[in-house]
Amino acid sequence: MRKGMNKTWLLALLVLLTAAFGCQRRPLETMYRSTVRVIVKCIWDIEVDTHVEVDTDIQKPTGVTLYIFREGKFYNSITTANVDSVEVQLEEGSYRMYMISQSPEEFWRMEFEDMTTFEKAATRLRENASASWASRKSDDDEVVVENPEILFAGVSDEFEITAKMTEDYQYYYTNLTKLRTKYGTTSTTKGDTKGGTKSDEELYYEERVEYYTIRIPIHASNIVSQLWVTIYAGNADVLKSVRSSTSGMARTFELTQNTTDAEPAIQVINGWKLTMDDTAKRIGHVDGIITTFGLPNGEMPSAQRDSALNVSALLIDNSTVAEYVFDVGDKIQKLKPNPGYRNLYRLIFGDAENPAMDLPDVPPAGGTSSGMDATVDDWEDGETVEIPM
């Protein structure tokens, strides 16, 4: 009787084990990772028009840094030279990502803050220590900052990875790997294996792996704008050099919020160029264009903006410095940007009939126009740069 009971018990156990194995969707010996393959596709919003000259600084970068957040918390960051797509393995969870061109260490004029906090990630312009003269021309406590370098940034939509998604992906990926190991295949892309043409089974698993791979697009665009200033002047041919600064510009750009924050700053406008409009009447204009984040708080130009443009003009006698202050306010316009830039902020003071600056008519030093080695006590610290005529 005891012997018959043992046989009955063993038979029942065998039936239970068989049923248990039969309910498994995946082979018991397979060990799955709890991740799925995610390809982040970088889409560079760089305007390409063969009929329009594009700034040489506006081009696809040589590297990117991707910041990944899971359930609202920082998960990982990756810096890579693969600028068109970045491949990562992600586990179950809800995700958001943002990316920047290059890496924070490669920018000299900007510093990066709170990069591991999604809502606060920002880039901030460094102080321009060599332009202290500009701060003394402002009544405010704004800091003189560097002009920004070109920076592309983009943010992904929120997406979710479920447990089933990881299970499906890992099932087909594991079976594909086992199949390739069995037949000595090491290729992870379509094509001929070491043994020749791939089998239908291998092609099937490859297709399923691709099918269950998640693809996330990120559109990356330049966050940097331009400020273009034009000033008309009478007796313009007496100009030797011009330098200028403008207050009330944005210092910080919030990368994931796609806007500037409230902190104002002073920017220096350099690289002026002189164009004579009427040689007989000695009327011309100077143009200066710089990079900028734009206006604080994502503002639009308005009369309520209390900002000023300070201009110092060194004349050809090497001793006269003409000073001018222009109220900016709503005189600044937001125009269609040049290709590759975020915005174009435009300032024009005066015109060929009514110049905004009436420069003192002075003779050149020594009877001829002097070179770039001139020094003037009133010119304060900083380099004297002759403007192209």
Protein backbone atom coordinates (compact mmCIF):
# COMPACT_ATOMS: atom_id res chain seq x y z
CA MET A 1 0.00 0.00 0.00
CA ARG A 2 2.83 2.39 0.85
CA LYS A 3 4.51 1.55 -2.47
CA GLY A 4 1.31 2.37 -4.43
CA MET A 5 0.90 5.70 -2.61
CA ASN A 6 4.48 6.70 -3.51
CA LYS A 7 3.79 5.98 -7.18
CA THR A 8 0.58 8.07 -7.02
CA TRP A 9 2.40 10.98 -5.36
CA LEU A 10 5.22 10.93 -7.90
CA LEU A 11 2.75 10.83 -10.77
CA ALA A 12 0.86 13.83 -9.36
CA LEU A 13 4.11 15.77 -8.92
CA LEU A 14 5.11 14.99 -12.51
CA VAL A 15 1.75 16.25 -13.79
CA LEU A 16 2.11 19.48 -11.79
CA LEU A 17 5.65 20.11 -13.07
CA THR A 18 4.58 19.44 -16.64
CA ALA A 19 1.71 21.88 -16.31
CA ALA A 20 4.00 24.50 -14.80
CA PHE A 21 6.50 24.26 -17.65
CA GLY A 22 3.73 24.27 -20.22
CA CYS A 23 2.41 27.64 -18.95
CA GLN A 24 5.75 29.40 -19.47
CA ARG A 25 5.75 31.64 -22.53
CA ARG A 26 9.56 31.78 -22.61
CA PRO A 27 12.09 28.93 -22.17
CA LEU A 28 12.99 28.46 -18.51
CA GLU A 29 16.74 28.46 -19.18
CA THR A 30 16.67 31.98 -20.71
CA MET A 31 17.81 34.80 -18.39
CA TYR A 32 16.41 38.16 -19.54
CA ARG A 33 17.76 41.63 -18.93
CA SER A 34 15.10 44.11 -17.82
CA THR A 35 15.93 46.63 -20.53
CA VAL A 36 14.94 47.53 -24.05
CA ARG A 37 17.06 49.02 -26.82
CA VAL A 38 16.31 52.71 -27.42
CA ILE A 39 17.70 54.69 -30.35
CA VAL A 40 17.61 58.46 -29.89
CA LYS A 41 17.45 60.05 -33.32
CA CYS A 42 19.06 63.50 -33.43
CA ILE A 43 17.34 65.74 -35.98
CA TRP A 44 19.40 68.87 -36.57
CA ASP A 45 17.31 71.90 -37.44
CA ILE A 46 19.99 73.60 -39.52
CA GLU A 47 18.59 75.59 -42.41
CA VAL A 48 20.31 74.62 -45.63
CA ASP A 49 19.69 76.89 -48.61
CA THR A 50 22.14 77.01 -51.49
CA HIS A 51 20.96 80.53 -52.28
CA VAL A 52 21.61 81.87 -48.78
CA GLU A 53 25.03 82.27 -47.22
CA VAL A 54 25.06 80.46 -43.87
CA ASP A 55 27.34 81.43 -41.00
CA THR A 56 30.30 79.03 -40.89
CA ASP A 57 29.65 78.51 -37.15
CA ILE A 58 26.23 77.04 -37.96
CA GLN A 59 26.97 73.43 -38.76
CA LYS A 60 26.33 69.98 -37.40
CA PRO A 61 28.44 69.49 -34.24
CA THR A 62 31.09 66.82 -33.80
CA GLY A 63 29.61 65.52 -30.57
CA VAL A 64 26.51 65.50 -28.36
CA THR A 65 25.69 64.98 -24.70
CA LEU A 66 22.40 63.27 -23.85
CA TYR A 67 20.80 63.66 -20.41
CA ILE A 68 18.26 60.96 -19.43
CA PHE A 69 15.64 61.29 -16.68
CA ARG A 70 13.54 58.41 -15.33
CA GLU A 71 10.43 59.07 -13.25
CA GLY A 72 11.50 62.74 -13.08
CA LYS A 73 14.93 61.94 -11.62
CA PHE A 74 18.34 62.00 -13.27
CA TYR A 75 19.15 58.57 -14.66
CA ASN A 76 22.28 58.86 -16.81
CA SER A 77 24.20 61.06 -19.25
CA ILE A 78 26.14 60.07 -22.34
CA THR A 79 28.67 62.06 -24.38
CA THR A 80 29.35 60.63 -27.82
CA ALA A 81 30.64 61.49 -31.28
CA ASN A 82 27.60 59.75 -32.82
CA VAL A 83 25.70 62.94 -33.63
CA ASP A 84 22.89 61.41 -35.70
CA SER A 85 21.73 58.71 -33.28
CA VAL A 86 22.54 57.57 -29.76
CA GLU A 87 21.81 54.01 -28.65
CA VAL A 88 20.99 53.25 -25.00
CA GLN A 89 19.46 50.39 -22.99
CA LEU A 90 16.62 51.52 -20.72
CA GLU A 91 14.61 49.64 -18.11
CA GLU A 92 10.92 49.92 -17.31
CA GLY A 93 9.79 53.45 -16.45
CA SER A 94 8.67 56.87 -17.68
CA TYR A 95 11.38 58.93 -19.40
CA ARG A 96 12.28 62.37 -20.70
CA MET A 97 15.55 63.38 -22.28
CA TYR A 98 17.31 66.47 -23.48
CA MET A 99 20.54 66.94 -25.39
CA ILE A 100 23.12 69.63 -26.12
CA SER A 101 25.77 69.85 -28.80
CA GLN A 102 29.27 68.91 -27.64
CA SER A 103 29.77 68.71 -23.85
CA PRO A 104 29.73 71.42 -21.14
CA GLU A 105 33.52 71.29 -20.82
CA GLU A 106 33.98 72.42 -24.42
CA PHE A 107 32.43 75.86 -24.00
CA TRP A 108 34.62 78.74 -22.85
CA ARG A 109 32.17 81.62 -22.65
CA MET A 110 29.32 79.73 -21.01
CA GLU A 111 28.89 77.68 -17.87
CA PHE A 112 26.20 75.07 -17.26
CA GLU A 113 23.99 74.79 -14.19
CA ASP A 114 21.61 72.16 -12.74
CA MET A 115 22.13 69.83 -15.68
CA THR A 116 20.89 66.85 -13.63
CA THR A 117 17.62 68.60 -12.73
CA PHE A 118 15.34 68.49 -15.73
CA GLU A 119 13.28 71.63 -15.05
CA LYS A 120 16.30 73.77 -14.05
CA ALA A 121 18.97 72.82 -16.60
CA ALA A 122 20.48 76.04 -17.95
CA THR A 123 23.50 77.66 -19.55
CA ARG A 124 24.79 80.99 -18.20
CA LEU A 125 27.18 83.49 -19.74
CA ARG A 126 30.48 83.96 -17.96
CA GLU A 127 31.57 87.37 -16.76
CA ASN A 128 33.70 89.33 -19.23
CA ALA A 129 36.54 90.49 -17.01
CA SER A 130 38.37 92.27 -19.84
CA ALA A 131 35.47 94.65 -20.51
CA SER A 132 35.15 96.37 -17.14
CA TRP A 133 34.85 99.70 -18.98
CA ALA A 134 31.36 98.65 -20.10
CA SER A 135 30.01 98.23 -16.57
CA ARG A 136 31.07 101.78 -15.64
CA LYS A 137 28.76 103.10 -18.35
CA SER A 138 25.68 101.56 -16.76
CA ASP A 139 23.69 102.90 -13.81
CA ASP A 140 22.56 99.39 -12.90
CA ASP A 141 24.40 96.57 -11.17
CA GLU A 142 24.32 94.38 -14.24
CA VAL A 143 27.40 92.29 -14.92
CA VAL A 144 29.26 92.49 -18.25
CA VAL A 145 29.17 89.03 -19.81
CA GLU A 146 30.71 87.18 -22.71
CA ASN A 147 28.81 86.78 -25.96
CA PRO A 148 27.55 83.18 -26.28
CA GLU A 149 29.01 80.47 -28.45
CA ILE A 150 26.77 78.50 -30.78
CA LEU A 151 24.85 75.85 -28.83
CA PHE A 152 22.24 73.41 -30.14
CA ALA A 153 19.73 71.92 -27.70
CA GLY A 154 16.61 69.79 -27.91
CA VAL A 155 14.10 68.02 -25.66
CA SER A 156 12.28 64.73 -26.25
CA ASP A 157 8.62 64.05 -25.63
CA GLU A 158 7.86 61.94 -22.57
CA PHE A 159 7.73 58.21 -23.28
CA GLU A 160 7.15 55.04 -21.28
CA ILE A 161 8.77 51.63 -21.27
CA THR A 162 6.60 48.86 -19.83
CA ALA A 163 7.63 45.49 -18.43
CA LYS A 164 6.02 43.78 -21.42
CA MET A 165 8.07 45.90 -23.82
CA THR A 166 11.31 44.80 -22.18
CA GLU A 167 10.14 41.18 -22.11
CA ASP A 168 9.20 41.19 -25.80
CA TYR A 169 12.45 42.81 -26.86
CA GLN A 170 14.64 40.58 -24.72
CA TYR A 171 12.88 37.41 -25.88
CA TYR A 172 13.67 38.03 -29.54
CA TYR A 173 17.11 39.51 -28.87
CA THR A 174 18.12 36.54 -26.69
CA ASN A 175 16.92 34.01 -29.24
CA LEU A 176 18.72 35.86 -32.03
CA THR A 177 21.93 35.86 -29.98
CA LYS A 178 21.60 32.14 -29.22
CA LEU A 179 20.97 31.37 -32.87
CA ARG A 180 24.04 33.30 -33.98
CA THR A 181 26.16 31.67 -31.32
CA LYS A 182 24.98 28.25 -32.45
CA TYR A 183 25.95 28.88 -36.07
CA GLY A 184 29.02 30.98 -35.37
CA THR A 185 27.46 34.28 -36.46
CA THR A 186 28.67 37.45 -34.78
CA SER A 187 27.01 40.04 -37.02
CA THR A 188 24.32 42.22 -35.43
CA THR A 189 23.21 43.70 -38.74
CA LYS A 190 21.56 42.28 -41.79
CA GLY A 191 23.78 40.68 -44.41
CA ASP A 192 25.66 37.44 -44.99
CA THR A 193 26.85 35.45 -42.00
CA LYS A 194 30.15 33.61 -41.80
CA GLY A 195 28.36 30.53 -43.06
CA GLY A 196 26.68 32.29 -45.97
CA THR A 197 23.14 33.55 -46.47
CA LYS A 198 21.10 34.00 -43.30
CA SER A 199 18.34 31.56 -42.53
CA ASP A 200 14.71 32.56 -42.48
CA GLU A 201 14.73 32.03 -38.72
CA GLU A 202 17.59 34.48 -38.20
CA LEU A 203 15.99 37.05 -40.48
CA TYR A 204 12.75 36.67 -38.57
CA TYR A 205 14.42 37.31 -35.20
CA GLU A 206 16.31 40.29 -36.63
CA GLU A 207 13.09 41.83 -37.87
CA ARG A 208 11.42 41.34 -34.49
CA VAL A 209 14.39 42.89 -32.66
CA GLU A 210 14.15 45.93 -34.93
CA TYR A 211 10.39 46.02 -34.46
CA TYR A 212 10.62 46.10 -30.67
CA THR A 213 13.45 48.66 -30.65
CA ILE A 214 12.13 52.04 -29.49
CA ARG A 215 13.03 55.13 -31.53
CA ILE A 216 12.81 58.59 -29.96
CA PRO A 217 13.33 61.75 -32.06
CA ILE A 218 14.90 64.91 -30.63
CA HIS A 219 14.85 68.07 -32.73
CA ALA A 220 17.94 70.12 -31.89
CA SER A 221 18.09 73.82 -32.81
CA ASN A 222 20.43 76.70 -32.08
CA ILE A 223 19.41 78.53 -28.90
CA VAL A 224 21.58 81.54 -29.78
CA SER A 225 20.22 84.68 -31.48
CA GLN A 226 21.90 87.72 -33.02
CA LEU A 227 21.80 91.42 -32.17
CA TRP A 228 22.52 93.71 -35.11
CA VAL A 229 23.03 97.43 -34.42
CA THR A 230 23.31 100.20 -37.03
CA ILE A 231 24.17 103.82 -36.13
CA TYR A 232 24.27 106.64 -38.67
CA ALA A 233 26.87 109.38 -38.14
CA GLY A 234 27.75 112.76 -39.55
CA ASN A 235 31.46 113.41 -40.19
CA ALA A 236 31.75 109.64 -40.24
CA ASP A 237 35.16 109.74 -41.90
CA VAL A 238 36.77 110.97 -38.65
CA LEU A 239 36.03 107.66 -36.93
CA LYS A 240 39.03 105.60 -35.91
CA SER A 241 37.43 103.05 -33.59
CA VAL A 242 34.07 102.31 -31.98
CA ARG A 243 33.15 100.27 -28.97
CA SER A 244 29.76 99.86 -27.42
CA SER A 245 27.75 97.98 -24.81
CA THR A 246 24.06 97.37 -24.32
CA SER A 247 22.29 96.66 -21.04
CA GLY A 248 19.18 94.63 -20.35
CA MET A 249 20.18 91.50 -22.27
CA ALA A 250 19.56 87.95 -21.03
CA ARG A 251 22.37 86.17 -19.21
CA THR A 252 20.84 82.70 -18.83
CA PHE A 253 18.99 80.35 -21.17
CA GLU A 254 16.88 77.56 -19.66
CA LEU A 255 17.57 74.55 -21.85
CA THR A 256 14.47 72.42 -21.21
CA GLN A 257 12.09 75.38 -20.91
CA ASN A 258 13.31 76.89 -24.20
CA THR A 259 13.40 80.44 -22.84
CA THR A 260 15.61 82.97 -21.08
CA ASP A 261 15.36 83.64 -17.36
CA ALA A 262 15.00 86.96 -15.51
CA GLU A 263 18.66 87.86 -14.91
CA PRO A 264 19.78 90.85 -17.03
CA ALA A 265 23.33 91.50 -18.18
CA ILE A 266 25.46 93.84 -20.26
CA GLN A 267 26.89 92.66 -23.56
CA VAL A 268 29.73 94.22 -25.51
CA ILE A 269 29.24 94.95 -29.22
CA ASN A 270 32.50 94.61 -31.06
CA GLY A 271 33.66 94.15 -34.63
CA TRP A 272 32.15 97.38 -35.99
CA LYS A 273 32.29 98.14 -39.70
CA LEU A 274 31.97 101.60 -41.29
CA THR A 275 30.13 102.22 -44.57
CA MET A 276 30.05 105.69 -46.18
CA ASP A 277 26.56 106.48 -47.51
CA ASP A 278 27.32 109.96 -48.86
CA THR A 279 30.99 110.78 -49.22
CA ALA A 280 30.34 114.38 -50.24
CA LYS A 281 28.22 115.04 -47.16
CA ARG A 282 30.52 112.80 -45.05
CA ILE A 283 27.58 110.74 -43.80
CA GLY A 284 28.03 107.05 -43.08
CA HIS A 285 26.91 104.32 -40.71
CA VAL A 286 28.55 101.70 -38.52
CA ASP A 287 27.27 98.14 -38.14
CA GLY A 288 27.96 95.84 -35.22
CA ILE A 289 26.55 92.33 -34.86
CA ILE A 290 26.95 89.92 -31.95
CA THR A 291 25.51 86.68 -30.62
CA THR A 292 23.07 86.85 -27.71
CA PHE A 293 20.49 84.84 -25.77
CA GLY A 294 18.02 87.66 -26.40
CA LEU A 295 15.93 89.50 -23.82
CA PRO A 296 15.31 88.38 -20.21
CA ASN A 297 12.23 86.31 -19.34
CA GLY A 298 11.64 85.56 -23.00
CA GLU A 299 10.41 89.14 -23.40
CA MET A 300 9.42 90.81 -26.62
CA PRO A 301 10.68 94.34 -27.37
CA SER A 302 8.54 96.99 -25.64
CA ALA A 303 8.60 100.60 -24.47
CA GLN A 304 8.65 99.36 -20.86
CA ARG A 305 12.17 97.95 -21.27
CA ASP A 306 14.62 100.26 -19.51
CA SER A 307 17.77 99.46 -21.46
CA ALA A 308 20.42 101.59 -23.09
CA LEU A 309 23.10 101.43 -25.78
CA ASN A 310 26.34 103.14 -24.75
CA VAL A 311 28.72 104.13 -27.54
CA SER A 312 32.28 105.44 -27.39
CA ALA A 313 33.86 106.69 -30.62
CA LEU A 314 37.60 107.28 -30.80
CA LEU A 315 38.42 109.81 -33.51
CA ILE A 316 41.39 110.04 -35.86
CA ASP A 317 43.19 112.68 -33.76
CA ASN A 318 43.81 109.90 -31.22
CA SER A 319 42.66 112.15 -28.37
CA THR A 320 38.96 112.85 -28.88
CA VAL A 321 36.44 110.31 -27.58
CA ALA A 322 32.82 111.09 -28.38
CA GLU A 323 30.30 109.51 -25.99
CA TYR A 324 26.66 108.72 -26.82
CA VAL A 325 23.81 107.04 -24.96
CA PHE A 326 20.76 105.75 -26.83
CA ASP A 327 17.55 104.55 -25.19
CA VAL A 328 16.67 101.13 -26.60
CA GLY A 329 13.18 100.44 -25.24
CA ASP A 330 10.85 99.50 -28.09
CA LYS A 331 13.32 100.65 -30.75
CA ILE A 332 14.67 97.11 -30.87
CA GLN A 333 12.82 94.92 -33.36
CA LYS A 334 12.54 91.16 -33.56
CA LEU A 335 12.96 90.10 -37.19
CA LYS A 336 13.22 86.92 -39.21
CA PRO A 337 16.51 85.32 -38.15
CA ASN A 338 19.51 84.71 -40.34
CA PRO A 339 19.76 81.03 -41.37
CA GLY A 340 20.61 78.80 -38.40
CA TYR A 341 19.95 81.35 -35.63
CA ARG A 342 17.03 81.51 -33.19
CA ASN A 343 16.09 85.20 -33.59
CA LEU A 344 17.42 88.45 -35.00
CA TYR A 345 17.16 91.55 -32.81
CA ARG A 346 17.60 94.72 -34.86
CA LEU A 347 18.47 98.25 -33.71
CA ILE A 348 18.81 101.22 -36.07
CA PHE A 349 19.57 104.74 -34.87
CA GLY A 350 19.14 107.58 -37.36
CA ASP A 351 19.31 107.43 -41.12
CA ALA A 352 21.30 109.00 -43.96
CA GLU A 353 19.19 112.16 -43.74
CA ASN A 354 19.19 112.47 -39.95
CA PRO A 355 22.33 110.90 -38.43
CA ALA A 356 22.08 109.86 -34.77
CA MET A 357 25.69 110.89 -34.05
CA ASP A 358 27.21 114.22 -35.09
CA LEU A 359 30.91 113.57 -34.62
CA PRO A 360 33.32 116.45 -33.90
CA ASP A 361 35.26 117.40 -37.03
CA VAL A 362 38.87 116.82 -35.98
CA PRO A 363 42.06 116.64 -38.04
CA PRO A 364 44.01 113.39 -38.13
CA ALA A 365 46.92 112.97 -35.73
CA GLY A 366 50.16 114.14 -37.34
CA GLY A 367 48.28 115.15 -40.46
CA THR A 368 47.58 111.54 -41.48
CA SER A 369 45.43 108.75 -40.19
CA SER A 370 47.25 106.90 -37.44
CA GLY A 371 47.70 103.19 -37.03
CA MET A 372 46.38 100.74 -34.47
CA ASP A 373 49.03 101.52 -31.86
CA ALA A 374 47.28 104.67 -30.63
CA THR A 375 46.61 105.01 -26.91
CA VAL A 376 44.19 107.47 -25.34
CA ASP A 377 43.85 108.16 -21.63
CA ASP A 378 40.09 108.67 -21.92
CA TRP A 379 39.71 105.36 -23.79
CA GLU A 380 40.21 103.51 -20.50
CA ASP A 381 41.33 99.89 -20.39
CA GLY A 382 40.76 97.57 -23.32
CA GLU A 383 42.09 97.06 -26.80
CA THR A 384 41.86 99.73 -29.48
CA VAL A 385 40.54 98.15 -32.65
CA GLU A 386 40.42 100.15 -35.84
CA ILE A 387 37.16 99.90 -37.75
CA PRO A 388 37.26 98.87 -41.43
CA MET A 389 36.58 101.80 -43.77
